[in-house]
Amino acid sequence: MPLDIRELPAPLDAELAEKLRTVDFPTLGHYLEEGFCDPLLQRMAGTAKLVGRAVTVRITATDSTMLHHAAGIVGPGDVVVVDCGGDRRHAPLGEVVVNALASRGAAGAVVDGLCTDIDALREVGLPVFAYGRTPLTTKLHGIADGSLCAPVSCGGVPVSAGDLVLGDANGLIIAPAERLAAVIDEALADDAKEPALVAELWDGKPLGSLTGATESLRQLR
């Protein structure tokens, strides 16, 4: 495929982003099925909750030229999402790229592949998600193949530039802002009720009676 370089997406909606920083991400799993990345794609570095807009990058298996370009133009709140074309041998993301992203205020990085320099990445502290680690790195071959801000795939999820990237120790969600906006208020309301529910469990009340599951089963008999 030829080079495909597009404009950066629109900025994050500040109100929605703040709500997403507050919600417990697994609560979104009560309302959504789409957008959940492969659970093997896990956080390798950083401890902060990740909320940001996707800046999509597609590279070839061995050439990270497009990623180096992207790392120089991202801004605060951006999450670079790297599609390696299915490669699981080379690491395009290491100490230099992650420092470049962090120095520009990026929120994090996600690679549908591997990372390297893990000790340095953890020292920087930027949230980095990958399938694993390797000392075999990509090179700057300058191959005329790749894209910036075009649709990609990451963790089995289709990703468009401007989608919202949510990540924590549980894994990753990548979804359009409007899809998350449709469920965020209900999810926050659920989170607000959860402490009282847990307290009732410790008071001896059965979970099924509190959630209605037991009554549903009774009606099915």
N, C-alpha and C. Protein backbone atom coordinates (compact mmCIF):
# COMPACT_ATOMS: atom_id res chain seq x y z
N MET A 1 0.84 -1.21 0.00
CA MET A 1 0.00 0.00 0.00
C MET A 1 0.87 1.25 0.00
N PRO A 2 0.46 2.32 -0.67
CA PRO A 2 1.25 3.56 -0.69
C PRO A 2 1.14 4.30 0.64
N LEU A 3 1.95 5.34 0.78
CA LEU A 3 1.87 6.19 1.96
C LEU A 3 0.53 6.90 2.00
N ASP A 4 -0.04 7.01 3.19
CA ASP A 4 -1.33 7.67 3.39
C ASP A 4 -1.21 8.54 4.64
N ILE A 5 -0.95 9.83 4.45
CA ILE A 5 -0.75 10.76 5.58
C ILE A 5 -1.90 11.75 5.61
N ARG A 6 -2.64 11.75 6.72
CA ARG A 6 -3.82 12.59 6.86
C ARG A 6 -3.65 13.56 8.02
N GLU A 7 -4.63 14.47 8.14
CA GLU A 7 -4.59 15.49 9.19
C GLU A 7 -4.89 14.86 10.55
N LEU A 8 -4.39 15.49 11.61
CA LEU A 8 -4.68 15.05 12.97
C LEU A 8 -6.17 15.22 13.26
N PRO A 9 -6.73 14.38 14.12
CA PRO A 9 -8.17 14.45 14.41
C PRO A 9 -8.54 15.64 15.27
N ALA A 10 -9.84 15.86 15.43
CA ALA A 10 -10.34 16.95 16.26
C ALA A 10 -9.95 16.72 17.72
N PRO A 11 -9.84 17.79 18.50
CA PRO A 11 -9.46 17.65 19.92
C PRO A 11 -10.51 16.86 20.71
N LEU A 12 -10.07 16.34 21.85
CA LEU A 12 -10.97 15.66 22.76
C LEU A 12 -12.04 16.60 23.29
N ASP A 13 -13.23 16.06 23.51
CA ASP A 13 -14.25 16.80 24.25
C ASP A 13 -13.88 16.76 25.73
N ALA A 14 -13.59 17.92 26.31
CA ALA A 14 -13.04 17.98 27.67
C ALA A 14 -14.00 17.39 28.70
N GLU A 15 -15.30 17.66 28.56
CA GLU A 15 -16.26 17.15 29.54
C GLU A 15 -16.35 15.63 29.49
N LEU A 16 -16.41 15.06 28.29
CA LEU A 16 -16.47 13.61 28.16
C LEU A 16 -15.18 12.98 28.68
N ALA A 17 -14.05 13.57 28.36
CA ALA A 17 -12.78 13.02 28.82
C ALA A 17 -12.71 12.99 30.34
N GLU A 18 -13.20 14.03 31.00
CA GLU A 18 -13.18 14.06 32.46
C GLU A 18 -14.09 12.99 33.05
N LYS A 19 -15.25 12.78 32.45
CA LYS A 19 -16.13 11.71 32.92
C LYS A 19 -15.47 10.34 32.76
N LEU A 20 -14.77 10.14 31.65
CA LEU A 20 -14.12 8.87 31.40
C LEU A 20 -12.95 8.64 32.37
N ARG A 21 -12.30 9.70 32.80
CA ARG A 21 -11.24 9.54 33.79
C ARG A 21 -11.80 9.13 35.15
N THR A 22 -13.07 9.41 35.37
CA THR A 22 -13.71 9.12 36.65
C THR A 22 -14.31 7.72 36.71
N VAL A 23 -14.85 7.26 35.59
CA VAL A 23 -15.58 5.99 35.58
C VAL A 23 -14.62 4.81 35.75
N ASP A 24 -15.14 3.73 36.34
CA ASP A 24 -14.41 2.47 36.41
C ASP A 24 -14.58 1.79 35.06
N PHE A 25 -13.50 1.57 34.33
CA PHE A 25 -13.62 1.06 32.96
C PHE A 25 -14.39 -0.25 32.85
N PRO A 26 -14.23 -1.22 33.78
CA PRO A 26 -15.04 -2.43 33.68
C PRO A 26 -16.54 -2.18 33.76
N THR A 27 -16.95 -1.06 34.36
CA THR A 27 -18.38 -0.74 34.37
C THR A 27 -18.89 -0.51 32.95
N LEU A 28 -18.04 0.01 32.07
CA LEU A 28 -18.44 0.19 30.68
C LEU A 28 -18.74 -1.15 30.02
N GLY A 29 -18.13 -2.21 30.54
CA GLY A 29 -18.39 -3.56 30.02
C GLY A 29 -19.79 -4.05 30.31
N HIS A 30 -20.51 -3.37 31.21
CA HIS A 30 -21.92 -3.70 31.44
C HIS A 30 -22.80 -3.21 30.30
N TYR A 31 -22.30 -2.26 29.52
CA TYR A 31 -23.13 -1.59 28.52
C TYR A 31 -22.63 -1.76 27.08
N LEU A 32 -21.38 -2.17 26.90
CA LEU A 32 -20.81 -2.28 25.57
C LEU A 32 -20.31 -3.69 25.31
N GLU A 33 -20.30 -4.08 24.06
CA GLU A 33 -19.64 -5.30 23.63
C GLU A 33 -18.46 -4.99 22.70
N GLU A 34 -18.60 -3.93 21.91
CA GLU A 34 -17.58 -3.58 20.94
C GLU A 34 -16.52 -2.69 21.58
N GLY A 35 -15.34 -2.67 20.99
CA GLY A 35 -14.28 -1.77 21.43
C GLY A 35 -13.28 -2.36 22.41
N PHE A 36 -13.51 -3.58 22.88
CA PHE A 36 -12.62 -4.17 23.87
C PHE A 36 -11.50 -4.93 23.16
N CYS A 37 -10.27 -4.49 23.39
CA CYS A 37 -9.12 -5.09 22.71
C CYS A 37 -8.82 -6.47 23.28
N ASP A 38 -8.10 -7.25 22.49
CA ASP A 38 -7.61 -8.55 22.91
C ASP A 38 -7.04 -8.45 24.33
N PRO A 39 -7.50 -9.28 25.26
CA PRO A 39 -7.01 -9.18 26.65
C PRO A 39 -5.52 -9.46 26.80
N LEU A 40 -4.89 -10.04 25.79
CA LEU A 40 -3.44 -10.25 25.85
C LEU A 40 -2.66 -8.97 25.59
N LEU A 41 -3.33 -7.95 25.10
CA LEU A 41 -2.70 -6.65 24.89
C LEU A 41 -2.76 -5.89 26.22
N GLN A 42 -1.65 -5.85 26.93
CA GLN A 42 -1.65 -5.38 28.31
C GLN A 42 -0.68 -4.23 28.55
N ARG A 43 -0.89 -3.55 29.67
CA ARG A 43 -0.02 -2.43 30.05
C ARG A 43 1.36 -2.95 30.45
N MET A 44 2.38 -2.43 29.80
CA MET A 44 3.76 -2.82 30.07
C MET A 44 4.49 -1.79 30.92
N ALA A 45 4.06 -0.54 30.85
CA ALA A 45 4.72 0.53 31.60
C ALA A 45 3.67 1.57 31.99
N GLY A 46 4.01 2.34 33.03
CA GLY A 46 3.09 3.36 33.52
C GLY A 46 2.07 2.77 34.46
N THR A 47 1.54 3.62 35.33
CA THR A 47 0.51 3.19 36.28
C THR A 47 -0.75 4.04 36.19
N ALA A 48 -0.68 5.13 35.47
CA ALA A 48 -1.82 6.04 35.40
C ALA A 48 -2.92 5.48 34.50
N LYS A 49 -4.14 5.87 34.79
CA LYS A 49 -5.27 5.55 33.93
C LYS A 49 -5.09 6.30 32.61
N LEU A 50 -5.33 5.61 31.52
CA LEU A 50 -5.12 6.21 30.19
C LEU A 50 -6.45 6.62 29.58
N VAL A 51 -6.54 7.91 29.24
CA VAL A 51 -7.68 8.45 28.49
C VAL A 51 -7.10 9.42 27.47
N GLY A 52 -7.35 9.19 26.19
CA GLY A 52 -6.83 10.10 25.19
C GLY A 52 -7.43 9.83 23.82
N ARG A 53 -7.09 10.69 22.86
CA ARG A 53 -7.57 10.50 21.49
C ARG A 53 -6.55 9.71 20.69
N ALA A 54 -7.03 8.85 19.84
CA ALA A 54 -6.14 8.01 19.05
C ALA A 54 -5.53 8.79 17.88
N VAL A 55 -4.22 8.71 17.78
CA VAL A 55 -3.49 9.13 16.59
C VAL A 55 -2.96 7.84 15.98
N THR A 56 -3.55 7.42 14.90
CA THR A 56 -3.27 6.10 14.35
C THR A 56 -2.05 6.11 13.44
N VAL A 57 -1.26 5.06 13.56
CA VAL A 57 -0.05 4.91 12.74
C VAL A 57 0.00 3.47 12.24
N ARG A 58 0.23 3.29 10.93
CA ARG A 58 0.46 1.95 10.40
C ARG A 58 1.87 1.90 9.84
N ILE A 59 2.62 0.86 10.25
CA ILE A 59 3.98 0.68 9.76
C ILE A 59 4.12 -0.73 9.17
N THR A 60 5.23 -0.96 8.49
CA THR A 60 5.54 -2.32 8.07
C THR A 60 6.24 -3.03 9.22
N ALA A 61 6.47 -4.32 9.06
CA ALA A 61 7.03 -5.11 10.15
C ALA A 61 8.37 -4.59 10.65
N THR A 62 9.21 -4.08 9.76
CA THR A 62 10.58 -3.73 10.15
C THR A 62 10.89 -2.24 10.11
N ASP A 63 9.97 -1.41 9.62
CA ASP A 63 10.29 -0.01 9.35
C ASP A 63 9.42 0.92 10.20
N SER A 64 10.04 1.68 11.11
CA SER A 64 9.29 2.58 11.99
C SER A 64 9.41 4.05 11.60
N THR A 65 9.71 4.31 10.32
CA THR A 65 9.87 5.70 9.87
C THR A 65 8.61 6.53 10.14
N MET A 66 7.43 5.99 9.83
CA MET A 66 6.19 6.73 10.05
C MET A 66 5.94 7.00 11.53
N LEU A 67 6.31 6.07 12.38
CA LEU A 67 6.13 6.27 13.82
C LEU A 67 7.02 7.40 14.33
N HIS A 68 8.25 7.48 13.85
CA HIS A 68 9.14 8.56 14.26
C HIS A 68 8.58 9.91 13.83
N HIS A 69 8.00 9.96 12.64
CA HIS A 69 7.36 11.19 12.20
C HIS A 69 6.19 11.55 13.12
N ALA A 70 5.35 10.58 13.42
CA ALA A 70 4.17 10.83 14.26
C ALA A 70 4.58 11.30 15.65
N ALA A 71 5.66 10.74 16.18
CA ALA A 71 6.10 11.09 17.53
C ALA A 71 6.53 12.55 17.64
N GLY A 72 6.80 13.18 16.52
CA GLY A 72 7.20 14.58 16.53
C GLY A 72 6.07 15.56 16.35
N ILE A 73 4.85 15.07 16.10
CA ILE A 73 3.73 15.99 15.84
C ILE A 73 2.56 15.80 16.79
N VAL A 74 2.61 14.78 17.64
CA VAL A 74 1.51 14.58 18.59
C VAL A 74 1.52 15.69 19.64
N GLY A 75 0.40 15.79 20.38
CA GLY A 75 0.29 16.81 21.40
C GLY A 75 -0.33 16.27 22.66
N PRO A 76 -0.61 17.15 23.62
CA PRO A 76 -1.18 16.74 24.89
C PRO A 76 -2.48 15.94 24.71
N GLY A 77 -2.58 14.83 25.43
CA GLY A 77 -3.78 14.01 25.38
C GLY A 77 -3.83 12.99 24.27
N ASP A 78 -2.82 12.98 23.40
CA ASP A 78 -2.82 12.03 22.29
C ASP A 78 -2.31 10.66 22.73
N VAL A 79 -2.86 9.64 22.10
CA VAL A 79 -2.38 8.27 22.30
C VAL A 79 -2.01 7.72 20.92
N VAL A 80 -0.75 7.43 20.71
CA VAL A 80 -0.33 6.85 19.44
C VAL A 80 -0.72 5.38 19.43
N VAL A 81 -1.48 4.98 18.43
CA VAL A 81 -1.93 3.59 18.28
C VAL A 81 -1.25 3.04 17.03
N VAL A 82 -0.37 2.05 17.22
CA VAL A 82 0.50 1.57 16.15
C VAL A 82 0.04 0.20 15.67
N ASP A 83 -0.29 0.12 14.39
CA ASP A 83 -0.63 -1.13 13.71
C ASP A 83 0.64 -1.60 12.98
N CYS A 84 1.15 -2.75 13.40
CA CYS A 84 2.39 -3.29 12.83
C CYS A 84 2.13 -4.29 11.71
N GLY A 85 0.90 -4.37 11.25
CA GLY A 85 0.58 -5.31 10.18
C GLY A 85 0.64 -6.76 10.63
N GLY A 86 0.43 -6.99 11.91
CA GLY A 86 0.43 -8.36 12.43
C GLY A 86 1.78 -8.86 12.89
N ASP A 87 2.83 -8.06 12.77
CA ASP A 87 4.16 -8.50 13.17
C ASP A 87 4.26 -8.66 14.68
N ARG A 88 4.85 -9.77 15.12
CA ARG A 88 5.05 -10.04 16.55
C ARG A 88 6.52 -10.36 16.84
N ARG A 89 7.43 -9.85 16.02
CA ARG A 89 8.86 -10.10 16.22
C ARG A 89 9.64 -8.83 16.53
N HIS A 90 9.26 -7.71 15.90
CA HIS A 90 10.02 -6.48 16.03
C HIS A 90 9.31 -5.49 16.95
N ALA A 91 10.10 -4.73 17.68
CA ALA A 91 9.55 -3.70 18.57
C ALA A 91 9.76 -2.31 17.96
N PRO A 92 8.68 -1.62 17.59
CA PRO A 92 8.84 -0.26 17.08
C PRO A 92 8.88 0.79 18.20
N LEU A 93 8.52 0.37 19.41
CA LEU A 93 8.34 1.31 20.51
C LEU A 93 9.39 1.03 21.59
N GLY A 94 10.27 2.01 21.83
CA GLY A 94 11.30 1.85 22.84
C GLY A 94 11.59 3.17 23.53
N GLU A 95 12.75 3.26 24.15
CA GLU A 95 13.09 4.40 25.00
C GLU A 95 13.00 5.74 24.26
N VAL A 96 13.57 5.82 23.07
CA VAL A 96 13.62 7.11 22.37
C VAL A 96 12.23 7.56 21.95
N VAL A 97 11.45 6.66 21.34
CA VAL A 97 10.10 7.03 20.89
C VAL A 97 9.23 7.42 22.07
N VAL A 98 9.29 6.67 23.15
CA VAL A 98 8.45 6.98 24.30
C VAL A 98 8.86 8.30 24.95
N ASN A 99 10.15 8.59 25.00
CA ASN A 99 10.57 9.90 25.51
C ASN A 99 10.10 11.01 24.59
N ALA A 100 10.12 10.77 23.28
CA ALA A 100 9.61 11.77 22.33
C ALA A 100 8.14 12.05 22.59
N LEU A 101 7.36 10.99 22.79
CA LEU A 101 5.93 11.17 23.06
C LEU A 101 5.70 11.89 24.38
N ALA A 102 6.41 11.46 25.42
CA ALA A 102 6.23 12.07 26.74
C ALA A 102 6.61 13.54 26.74
N SER A 103 7.67 13.89 26.00
CA SER A 103 8.13 15.28 25.97
C SER A 103 7.11 16.20 25.31
N ARG A 104 6.23 15.65 24.49
CA ARG A 104 5.21 16.45 23.83
C ARG A 104 3.87 16.39 24.54
N GLY A 105 3.83 15.74 25.69
CA GLY A 105 2.60 15.70 26.49
C GLY A 105 1.63 14.62 26.08
N ALA A 106 2.07 13.67 25.27
CA ALA A 106 1.17 12.58 24.88
C ALA A 106 0.68 11.83 26.12
N ALA A 107 -0.52 11.25 26.00
CA ALA A 107 -1.11 10.53 27.13
C ALA A 107 -0.62 9.10 27.23
N GLY A 108 -0.19 8.52 26.11
CA GLY A 108 0.25 7.13 26.14
C GLY A 108 0.52 6.60 24.76
N ALA A 109 0.81 5.30 24.70
CA ALA A 109 1.09 4.63 23.43
C ALA A 109 0.57 3.21 23.49
N VAL A 110 0.05 2.76 22.36
CA VAL A 110 -0.45 1.38 22.23
C VAL A 110 0.15 0.81 20.96
N VAL A 111 0.74 -0.37 21.06
CA VAL A 111 1.30 -1.01 19.88
C VAL A 111 0.69 -2.40 19.74
N ASP A 112 0.16 -2.66 18.56
CA ASP A 112 -0.40 -3.97 18.25
C ASP A 112 0.76 -4.90 17.88
N GLY A 113 1.67 -5.03 18.83
CA GLY A 113 2.91 -5.76 18.63
C GLY A 113 3.71 -5.69 19.90
N LEU A 114 5.02 -5.46 19.77
CA LEU A 114 5.92 -5.55 20.91
C LEU A 114 6.59 -4.21 21.20
N CYS A 115 7.12 -4.10 22.42
CA CYS A 115 7.91 -2.94 22.81
C CYS A 115 9.29 -3.42 23.28
N THR A 116 10.18 -2.48 23.57
CA THR A 116 11.52 -2.82 24.05
C THR A 116 11.97 -1.77 25.05
N ASP A 117 13.17 -1.92 25.60
CA ASP A 117 13.70 -0.99 26.61
C ASP A 117 12.75 -0.87 27.79
N ILE A 118 12.26 -2.00 28.29
CA ILE A 118 11.18 -1.96 29.27
C ILE A 118 11.55 -1.21 30.54
N ASP A 119 12.78 -1.34 31.03
CA ASP A 119 13.18 -0.62 32.24
C ASP A 119 13.12 0.89 32.03
N ALA A 120 13.59 1.35 30.87
CA ALA A 120 13.55 2.78 30.57
C ALA A 120 12.11 3.25 30.41
N LEU A 121 11.27 2.43 29.78
CA LEU A 121 9.87 2.81 29.62
C LEU A 121 9.19 2.97 30.97
N ARG A 122 9.49 2.07 31.88
CA ARG A 122 8.87 2.17 33.21
C ARG A 122 9.39 3.36 33.98
N GLU A 123 10.63 3.75 33.71
CA GLU A 123 11.17 4.95 34.37
C GLU A 123 10.49 6.21 33.84
N VAL A 124 10.22 6.26 32.54
CA VAL A 124 9.50 7.41 31.98
C VAL A 124 8.10 7.50 32.56
N GLY A 125 7.44 6.35 32.68
CA GLY A 125 6.13 6.31 33.33
C GLY A 125 4.94 6.53 32.42
N LEU A 126 5.17 6.78 31.14
CA LEU A 126 4.07 6.95 30.19
C LEU A 126 3.35 5.60 30.03
N PRO A 127 2.02 5.57 30.09
CA PRO A 127 1.32 4.30 29.86
C PRO A 127 1.63 3.74 28.48
N VAL A 128 2.13 2.52 28.46
CA VAL A 128 2.46 1.83 27.21
C VAL A 128 1.81 0.46 27.24
N PHE A 129 1.04 0.15 26.19
CA PHE A 129 0.38 -1.14 26.07
C PHE A 129 0.96 -1.89 24.88
N ALA A 130 1.24 -3.18 25.08
CA ALA A 130 1.82 -4.00 24.02
C ALA A 130 1.51 -5.46 24.32
N TYR A 131 1.85 -6.32 23.36
CA TYR A 131 1.67 -7.76 23.55
C TYR A 131 2.83 -8.40 24.30
N GLY A 132 3.96 -7.72 24.36
CA GLY A 132 5.13 -8.30 25.01
C GLY A 132 6.35 -7.46 24.73
N ARG A 133 7.53 -8.05 24.96
CA ARG A 133 8.79 -7.32 24.86
C ARG A 133 9.80 -8.14 24.05
N THR A 134 10.73 -7.45 23.41
CA THR A 134 11.79 -8.10 22.66
C THR A 134 12.95 -7.13 22.48
N PRO A 135 14.19 -7.64 22.34
CA PRO A 135 15.32 -6.77 22.00
C PRO A 135 15.46 -6.53 20.50
N LEU A 136 14.66 -7.22 19.68
CA LEU A 136 14.73 -7.02 18.23
C LEU A 136 13.88 -5.81 17.84
N THR A 137 14.52 -4.80 17.28
CA THR A 137 13.82 -3.55 17.01
C THR A 137 13.58 -3.33 15.51
N THR A 138 12.68 -2.42 15.22
CA THR A 138 12.49 -1.94 13.85
C THR A 138 13.66 -1.04 13.47
N LYS A 139 13.74 -0.69 12.20
CA LYS A 139 14.78 0.20 11.69
C LYS A 139 14.14 1.35 10.93
N LEU A 140 14.96 2.32 10.54
CA LEU A 140 14.48 3.44 9.73
C LEU A 140 14.84 3.19 8.27
N HIS A 141 14.10 2.31 7.64
CA HIS A 141 14.36 1.95 6.25
C HIS A 141 13.80 2.98 5.27
N GLY A 142 12.78 3.75 5.71
CA GLY A 142 12.16 4.70 4.80
C GLY A 142 11.37 4.04 3.69
N ILE A 143 10.72 2.94 4.01
CA ILE A 143 9.91 2.23 3.02
C ILE A 143 8.65 3.04 2.70
N ALA A 144 8.30 3.13 1.44
CA ALA A 144 7.13 3.92 1.02
C ALA A 144 5.85 3.13 1.24
N ASP A 145 5.59 2.82 2.50
CA ASP A 145 4.40 2.08 2.87
C ASP A 145 4.09 2.41 4.32
N GLY A 146 2.87 2.83 4.59
CA GLY A 146 2.47 3.18 5.94
C GLY A 146 1.42 4.28 5.92
N SER A 147 0.88 4.58 7.10
CA SER A 147 -0.15 5.62 7.15
C SER A 147 -0.13 6.35 8.49
N LEU A 148 -0.69 7.54 8.47
CA LEU A 148 -0.86 8.37 9.66
C LEU A 148 -2.29 8.89 9.67
N CYS A 149 -3.00 8.63 10.75
CA CYS A 149 -4.38 9.08 10.95
C CYS A 149 -5.36 8.46 9.97
N ALA A 150 -4.99 7.32 9.39
CA ALA A 150 -5.92 6.52 8.60
C ALA A 150 -6.41 5.36 9.47
N PRO A 151 -7.51 4.71 9.11
CA PRO A 151 -8.00 3.58 9.92
C PRO A 151 -6.98 2.46 10.03
N VAL A 152 -6.89 1.87 11.24
CA VAL A 152 -6.00 0.75 11.50
C VAL A 152 -6.74 -0.29 12.32
N SER A 153 -6.02 -1.35 12.67
CA SER A 153 -6.55 -2.37 13.56
C SER A 153 -5.60 -2.54 14.73
N CYS A 154 -6.17 -2.67 15.93
CA CYS A 154 -5.33 -2.83 17.12
C CYS A 154 -6.04 -3.74 18.11
N GLY A 155 -5.40 -4.83 18.48
CA GLY A 155 -6.01 -5.75 19.42
C GLY A 155 -7.32 -6.33 18.94
N GLY A 156 -7.45 -6.46 17.61
CA GLY A 156 -8.68 -6.98 17.04
C GLY A 156 -9.80 -5.98 16.92
N VAL A 157 -9.52 -4.71 17.21
CA VAL A 157 -10.53 -3.65 17.17
C VAL A 157 -10.20 -2.67 16.05
N PRO A 158 -11.17 -2.31 15.21
CA PRO A 158 -10.92 -1.26 14.22
C PRO A 158 -10.80 0.09 14.90
N VAL A 159 -9.80 0.86 14.51
CA VAL A 159 -9.52 2.14 15.17
C VAL A 159 -9.42 3.24 14.13
N SER A 160 -10.15 4.32 14.36
CA SER A 160 -10.04 5.51 13.52
C SER A 160 -9.38 6.62 14.31
N ALA A 161 -8.66 7.49 13.64
CA ALA A 161 -8.07 8.65 14.31
C ALA A 161 -9.17 9.45 15.00
N GLY A 162 -8.93 9.81 16.24
CA GLY A 162 -9.92 10.55 17.01
C GLY A 162 -10.76 9.68 17.92
N ASP A 163 -10.73 8.36 17.72
CA ASP A 163 -11.40 7.47 18.68
C ASP A 163 -10.79 7.67 20.06
N LEU A 164 -11.53 7.30 21.09
CA LEU A 164 -11.02 7.44 22.45
C LEU A 164 -10.37 6.13 22.89
N VAL A 165 -9.21 6.27 23.52
CA VAL A 165 -8.44 5.13 24.00
C VAL A 165 -8.49 5.15 25.53
N LEU A 166 -9.01 4.08 26.11
CA LEU A 166 -9.13 3.96 27.55
C LEU A 166 -8.33 2.74 28.00
N GLY A 167 -7.44 2.92 28.96
CA GLY A 167 -6.62 1.80 29.39
C GLY A 167 -6.29 1.86 30.87
N ASP A 168 -6.25 0.70 31.51
CA ASP A 168 -5.78 0.57 32.88
C ASP A 168 -5.24 -0.84 33.06
N ALA A 169 -5.10 -1.29 34.30
CA ALA A 169 -4.53 -2.60 34.56
C ALA A 169 -5.41 -3.74 34.04
N ASN A 170 -6.67 -3.45 33.72
CA ASN A 170 -7.57 -4.47 33.20
C ASN A 170 -7.41 -4.69 31.70
N GLY A 171 -6.91 -3.69 30.98
CA GLY A 171 -6.78 -3.80 29.54
C GLY A 171 -7.18 -2.53 28.84
N LEU A 172 -7.63 -2.66 27.59
CA LEU A 172 -7.87 -1.51 26.72
C LEU A 172 -9.26 -1.51 26.11
N ILE A 173 -9.82 -0.32 25.99
CA ILE A 173 -11.05 -0.08 25.23
C ILE A 173 -10.73 1.03 24.24
N ILE A 174 -11.07 0.82 22.97
CA ILE A 174 -10.93 1.88 21.96
C ILE A 174 -12.24 1.98 21.21
N ALA A 175 -12.88 3.15 21.28
CA ALA A 175 -14.21 3.29 20.70
C ALA A 175 -14.46 4.74 20.29
N PRO A 176 -15.39 4.97 19.36
CA PRO A 176 -15.74 6.34 18.98
C PRO A 176 -16.30 7.11 20.16
N ALA A 177 -16.03 8.40 20.19
CA ALA A 177 -16.47 9.23 21.31
C ALA A 177 -17.98 9.18 21.49
N GLU A 178 -18.72 9.18 20.38
CA GLU A 178 -20.19 9.21 20.50
C GLU A 178 -20.72 7.92 21.12
N ARG A 179 -20.03 6.80 20.89
CA ARG A 179 -20.49 5.53 21.50
C ARG A 179 -20.27 5.56 23.00
N LEU A 180 -19.15 6.08 23.44
CA LEU A 180 -18.88 6.18 24.87
C LEU A 180 -19.75 7.22 25.53
N ALA A 181 -20.02 8.32 24.83
CA ALA A 181 -20.88 9.37 25.39
C ALA A 181 -22.29 8.85 25.66
N ALA A 182 -22.73 7.87 24.87
CA ALA A 182 -24.10 7.35 25.01
C ALA A 182 -24.29 6.54 26.29
N VAL A 183 -23.19 6.04 26.88
CA VAL A 183 -23.33 5.16 28.05
C VAL A 183 -22.65 5.70 29.30
N ILE A 184 -21.88 6.78 29.19
CA ILE A 184 -21.04 7.20 30.31
C ILE A 184 -21.85 7.61 31.53
N ASP A 185 -22.95 8.32 31.35
CA ASP A 185 -23.70 8.79 32.51
C ASP A 185 -24.32 7.62 33.28
N GLU A 186 -24.82 6.63 32.56
CA GLU A 186 -25.39 5.46 33.21
C GLU A 186 -24.31 4.66 33.93
N ALA A 187 -23.14 4.57 33.33
CA ALA A 187 -22.03 3.86 33.96
C ALA A 187 -21.58 4.57 35.24
N LEU A 188 -21.52 5.89 35.21
CA LEU A 188 -21.15 6.64 36.41
C LEU A 188 -22.18 6.46 37.52
N ALA A 189 -23.46 6.41 37.14
CA ALA A 189 -24.51 6.17 38.13
C ALA A 189 -24.35 4.79 38.77
N ASP A 190 -23.98 3.80 37.96
CA ASP A 190 -23.72 2.46 38.50
C ASP A 190 -22.56 2.47 39.50
N ASP A 191 -21.51 3.16 39.14
CA ASP A 191 -20.36 3.25 40.04
C ASP A 191 -20.75 3.87 41.38
N ALA A 192 -21.62 4.87 41.32
CA ALA A 192 -22.03 5.55 42.56
C ALA A 192 -22.83 4.63 43.48
N LYS A 193 -23.54 3.66 42.89
CA LYS A 193 -24.35 2.73 43.68
C LYS A 193 -23.55 1.55 44.24
N GLU A 194 -22.40 1.30 43.67
CA GLU A 194 -21.69 0.05 43.99
C GLU A 194 -21.24 -0.05 45.46
N PRO A 195 -20.75 1.02 46.10
CA PRO A 195 -20.35 0.87 47.51
C PRO A 195 -21.49 0.39 48.40
N ALA A 196 -22.69 0.90 48.17
CA ALA A 196 -23.83 0.47 48.97
C ALA A 196 -24.16 -1.00 48.72
N LEU A 197 -24.05 -1.43 47.46
CA LEU A 197 -24.29 -2.83 47.12
C LEU A 197 -23.30 -3.74 47.82
N VAL A 198 -22.03 -3.37 47.80
CA VAL A 198 -21.00 -4.18 48.47
C VAL A 198 -21.25 -4.24 49.97
N ALA A 199 -21.68 -3.12 50.55
CA ALA A 199 -21.98 -3.10 51.99
C ALA A 199 -23.11 -4.05 52.33
N GLU A 200 -24.13 -4.11 51.47
CA GLU A 200 -25.23 -5.04 51.71
C GLU A 200 -24.79 -6.50 51.62
N LEU A 201 -23.85 -6.79 50.74
CA LEU A 201 -23.31 -8.15 50.66
C LEU A 201 -22.65 -8.54 51.97
N TRP A 202 -21.89 -7.63 52.54
CA TRP A 202 -21.22 -7.91 53.80
C TRP A 202 -22.19 -7.94 54.98
N ASP A 203 -23.38 -7.39 54.78
CA ASP A 203 -24.44 -7.51 55.79
C ASP A 203 -25.18 -8.83 55.68
N GLY A 204 -24.80 -9.66 54.70
CA GLY A 204 -25.36 -10.99 54.59
C GLY A 204 -26.43 -11.17 53.54
N LYS A 205 -26.71 -10.15 52.76
CA LYS A 205 -27.75 -10.27 51.74
C LYS A 205 -27.20 -10.99 50.51
N PRO A 206 -27.95 -11.94 49.93
CA PRO A 206 -27.47 -12.67 48.76
C PRO A 206 -27.39 -11.76 47.53
N LEU A 207 -26.33 -11.95 46.73
CA LEU A 207 -26.14 -11.14 45.53
C LEU A 207 -27.33 -11.26 44.59
N GLY A 208 -27.82 -12.49 44.39
CA GLY A 208 -28.92 -12.68 43.46
C GLY A 208 -30.18 -11.93 43.83
N SER A 209 -30.43 -11.80 45.12
CA SER A 209 -31.63 -11.05 45.54
C SER A 209 -31.44 -9.55 45.36
N LEU A 210 -30.21 -9.09 45.48
CA LEU A 210 -29.94 -7.66 45.32
C LEU A 210 -29.97 -7.23 43.85
N THR A 211 -29.50 -8.09 42.97
CA THR A 211 -29.43 -7.73 41.55
C THR A 211 -30.67 -8.14 40.76
N GLY A 212 -31.52 -8.96 41.35
CA GLY A 212 -32.70 -9.43 40.65
C GLY A 212 -32.48 -10.74 39.91
N ALA A 213 -31.25 -11.29 39.95
CA ALA A 213 -30.97 -12.52 39.23
C ALA A 213 -31.79 -13.70 39.76
N THR A 214 -31.94 -13.77 41.07
CA THR A 214 -32.69 -14.87 41.67
C THR A 214 -34.15 -14.82 41.25
N GLU A 215 -34.73 -13.64 41.24
CA GLU A 215 -36.13 -13.49 40.82
C GLU A 215 -36.29 -13.83 39.34
N SER A 216 -35.31 -13.44 38.53
CA SER A 216 -35.38 -13.79 37.11
C SER A 216 -35.39 -15.29 36.90
N LEU A 217 -34.58 -16.00 37.64
CA LEU A 217 -34.56 -17.46 37.54
C LEU A 217 -35.87 -18.08 38.00
N ARG A 218 -36.44 -17.51 39.05
CA ARG A 218 -37.73 -18.01 39.55
C ARG A 218 -38.79 -17.90 38.47
N GLN A 219 -38.80 -16.80 37.75
CA GLN A 219 -39.81 -16.60 36.72
C GLN A 219 -39.60 -17.51 35.51
N LEU A 220 -38.37 -17.98 35.33
CA LEU A 220 -38.06 -18.84 34.20
C LEU A 220 -38.43 -20.31 34.44
N ARG A 221 -38.70 -20.66 35.68
CA ARG A 221 -39.01 -22.05 35.99
C ARG A 221 -40.41 -22.43 35.50
